[in-house]
Amino acid sequence: DIFDKNRKAYGTRKIKVELKKRGLTVSRRRIGRIMKEQGLVSSYTIAQYKPQKTSCNESVQANELNREFLQK
């Protein structure tokens, strides 16, 4: 009920807080187990694809100081 009313965005922590407001004491593990049994997954848990504009090591610097890097 709590999960559906909150646009399927609540995870175990927020559901636990809401249940505590209603006077129920339930562990996060139990909430997680129940969610898993019923196939409930928070929309924030699902990984969002965020493409990178450039690769991490893609920048190429000019050898302005004419340094010679030789491996021995």
C-alpha atoms as a PDB file:
ATOM      1  CA  ASP A   1       0.000   0.000   0.000  1.00  0.00           C
ATOM      2  CA  ILE A   2       2.751   2.460   1.010  1.00  0.00           C
ATOM      3  CA  PHE A   3       4.863   1.431  -1.987  1.00  0.00           C
ATOM      4  CA  ASP A   4       2.045   1.975  -4.503  1.00  0.00           C
ATOM      5  CA  LYS A   5       0.873   5.284  -3.009  1.00  0.00           C
ATOM      6  CA  ASN A   6       4.370   6.741  -3.363  1.00  0.00           C
ATOM      7  CA  ARG A   7       4.735   6.118  -7.103  1.00  0.00           C
ATOM      8  CA  LYS A   8       6.705   2.892  -6.496  1.00  0.00           C
ATOM      9  CA  ALA A   9       9.702   4.946  -5.422  1.00  0.00           C
ATOM     10  CA  TYR A  10       9.958   3.966  -1.756  1.00  0.00           C
ATOM     11  CA  GLY A  11      12.565   1.454  -0.651  1.00  0.00           C
ATOM     12  CA  THR A  12      12.865  -0.443   2.617  1.00  0.00           C
ATOM     13  CA  ARG A  13      14.058   2.543   4.650  1.00  0.00           C
ATOM     14  CA  LYS A  14      11.225   4.883   3.746  1.00  0.00           C
ATOM     15  CA  ILE A  15       8.637   2.113   4.077  1.00  0.00           C
ATOM     16  CA  LYS A  16       9.987   1.351   7.558  1.00  0.00           C
ATOM     17  CA  VAL A  17       9.554   5.011   8.574  1.00  0.00           C
ATOM     18  CA  GLU A  18       5.979   5.051   7.239  1.00  0.00           C
ATOM     19  CA  LEU A  19       5.119   1.838   9.105  1.00  0.00           C
ATOM     20  CA  LYS A  20       6.584   3.276  12.304  1.00  0.00           C
ATOM     21  CA  LYS A  21       4.310   6.322  11.895  1.00  0.00           C
ATOM     22  CA  ARG A  22       1.392   3.879  11.703  1.00  0.00           C
ATOM     23  CA  GLY A  23       2.542   2.194  14.911  1.00  0.00           C
ATOM     24  CA  LEU A  24       4.091  -0.945  13.406  1.00  0.00           C
ATOM     25  CA  THR A  25       7.614  -2.135  14.139  1.00  0.00           C
ATOM     26  CA  VAL A  26       9.064  -4.108  11.223  1.00  0.00           C
ATOM     27  CA  SER A  27      12.697  -4.723  10.315  1.00  0.00           C
ATOM     28  CA  ARG A  28      14.144  -3.584   7.010  1.00  0.00           C
ATOM     29  CA  ARG A  29      15.130  -7.168   6.219  1.00  0.00           C
ATOM     30  CA  ARG A  30      11.553  -8.358   6.584  1.00  0.00           C
ATOM     31  CA  ILE A  31      10.309  -5.475   4.413  1.00  0.00           C
ATOM     32  CA  GLY A  32      12.965  -6.344   1.830  1.00  0.00           C
ATOM     33  CA  ARG A  33      11.957 -10.018   1.870  1.00  0.00           C
ATOM     34  CA  ILE A  34       8.279  -9.160   1.386  1.00  0.00           C
ATOM     35  CA  MET A  35       9.136  -6.746  -1.441  1.00  0.00           C
ATOM     36  CA  LYS A  36      11.263  -9.417  -3.129  1.00  0.00           C
ATOM     37  CA  GLU A  37       8.496 -12.042  -2.815  1.00  0.00           C
ATOM     38  CA  GLN A  38       5.974  -9.687  -4.401  1.00  0.00           C
ATOM     39  CA  GLY A  39       8.418  -8.479  -7.078  1.00  0.00           C
ATOM     40  CA  LEU A  40       8.443  -4.867  -5.877  1.00  0.00           C
ATOM     41  CA  VAL A  41      11.514  -2.851  -6.874  1.00  0.00           C
ATOM     42  CA  SER A  42      11.950   0.840  -6.138  1.00  0.00           C
ATOM     43  CA  SER A  43      12.219   2.974  -9.269  1.00  0.00           C
ATOM     44  CA  TYR A  44      15.405   4.480  -7.830  1.00  0.00           C
ATOM     45  CA  THR A  45      16.990   1.036  -7.373  1.00  0.00           C
ATOM     46  CA  ILE A  46      16.900   0.391 -11.115  1.00  0.00           C
ATOM     47  CA  ALA A  47      20.155   1.653 -12.628  1.00  0.00           C
ATOM     48  CA  GLN A  48      19.787   4.693 -14.842  1.00  0.00           C
ATOM     49  CA  TYR A  49      21.930   4.704 -18.000  1.00  0.00           C
ATOM     50  CA  LYS A  50      24.006   7.873 -18.160  1.00  0.00           C
ATOM     51  CA  PRO A  51      26.290   8.014 -21.204  1.00  0.00           C
ATOM     52  CA  GLN A  52      29.722   9.550 -20.763  1.00  0.00           C
ATOM     53  CA  LYS A  53      30.630  12.337 -23.159  1.00  0.00           C
ATOM     54  CA  THR A  54      34.297  11.355 -23.248  1.00  0.00           C
ATOM     55  CA  SER A  55      36.329   8.455 -22.033  1.00  0.00           C
ATOM     56  CA  CYS A  56      38.351   8.946 -18.843  1.00  0.00           C
ATOM     57  CA  ASN A  57      41.802   8.639 -20.412  1.00  0.00           C
ATOM     58  CA  GLU A  58      40.995   9.953 -23.847  1.00  0.00           C
ATOM     59  CA  SER A  59      42.604  13.397 -23.619  1.00  0.00           C
ATOM     60  CA  VAL A  60      45.911  13.699 -25.463  1.00  0.00           C
ATOM     61  CA  GLN A  61      48.350  16.388 -24.380  1.00  0.00           C
ATOM     62  CA  ALA A  62      50.993  17.825 -26.631  1.00  0.00           C
ATOM     63  CA  ASN A  63      54.627  17.207 -25.663  1.00  0.00           C
ATOM     64  CA  GLU A  64      55.410  20.918 -25.283  1.00  0.00           C
ATOM     65  CA  LEU A  65      58.475  20.415 -23.092  1.00  0.00           C
ATOM     66  CA  ASN A  66      59.952  17.784 -25.449  1.00  0.00           C
ATOM     67  CA  ARG A  67      60.284  15.336 -22.600  1.00  0.00           C
ATOM     68  CA  GLU A  68      61.510  11.866 -23.460  1.00  0.00           C
ATOM     69  CA  PHE A  69      59.811   9.063 -21.617  1.00  0.00           C
ATOM     70  CA  LEU A  70      61.866   5.916 -22.015  1.00  0.00           C
ATOM     71  CA  GLN A  71      61.241   2.719 -20.148  1.00  0.00           C
ATOM     72  CA  LYS A  72      64.304   0.841 -19.016  1.00  0.00           C
END
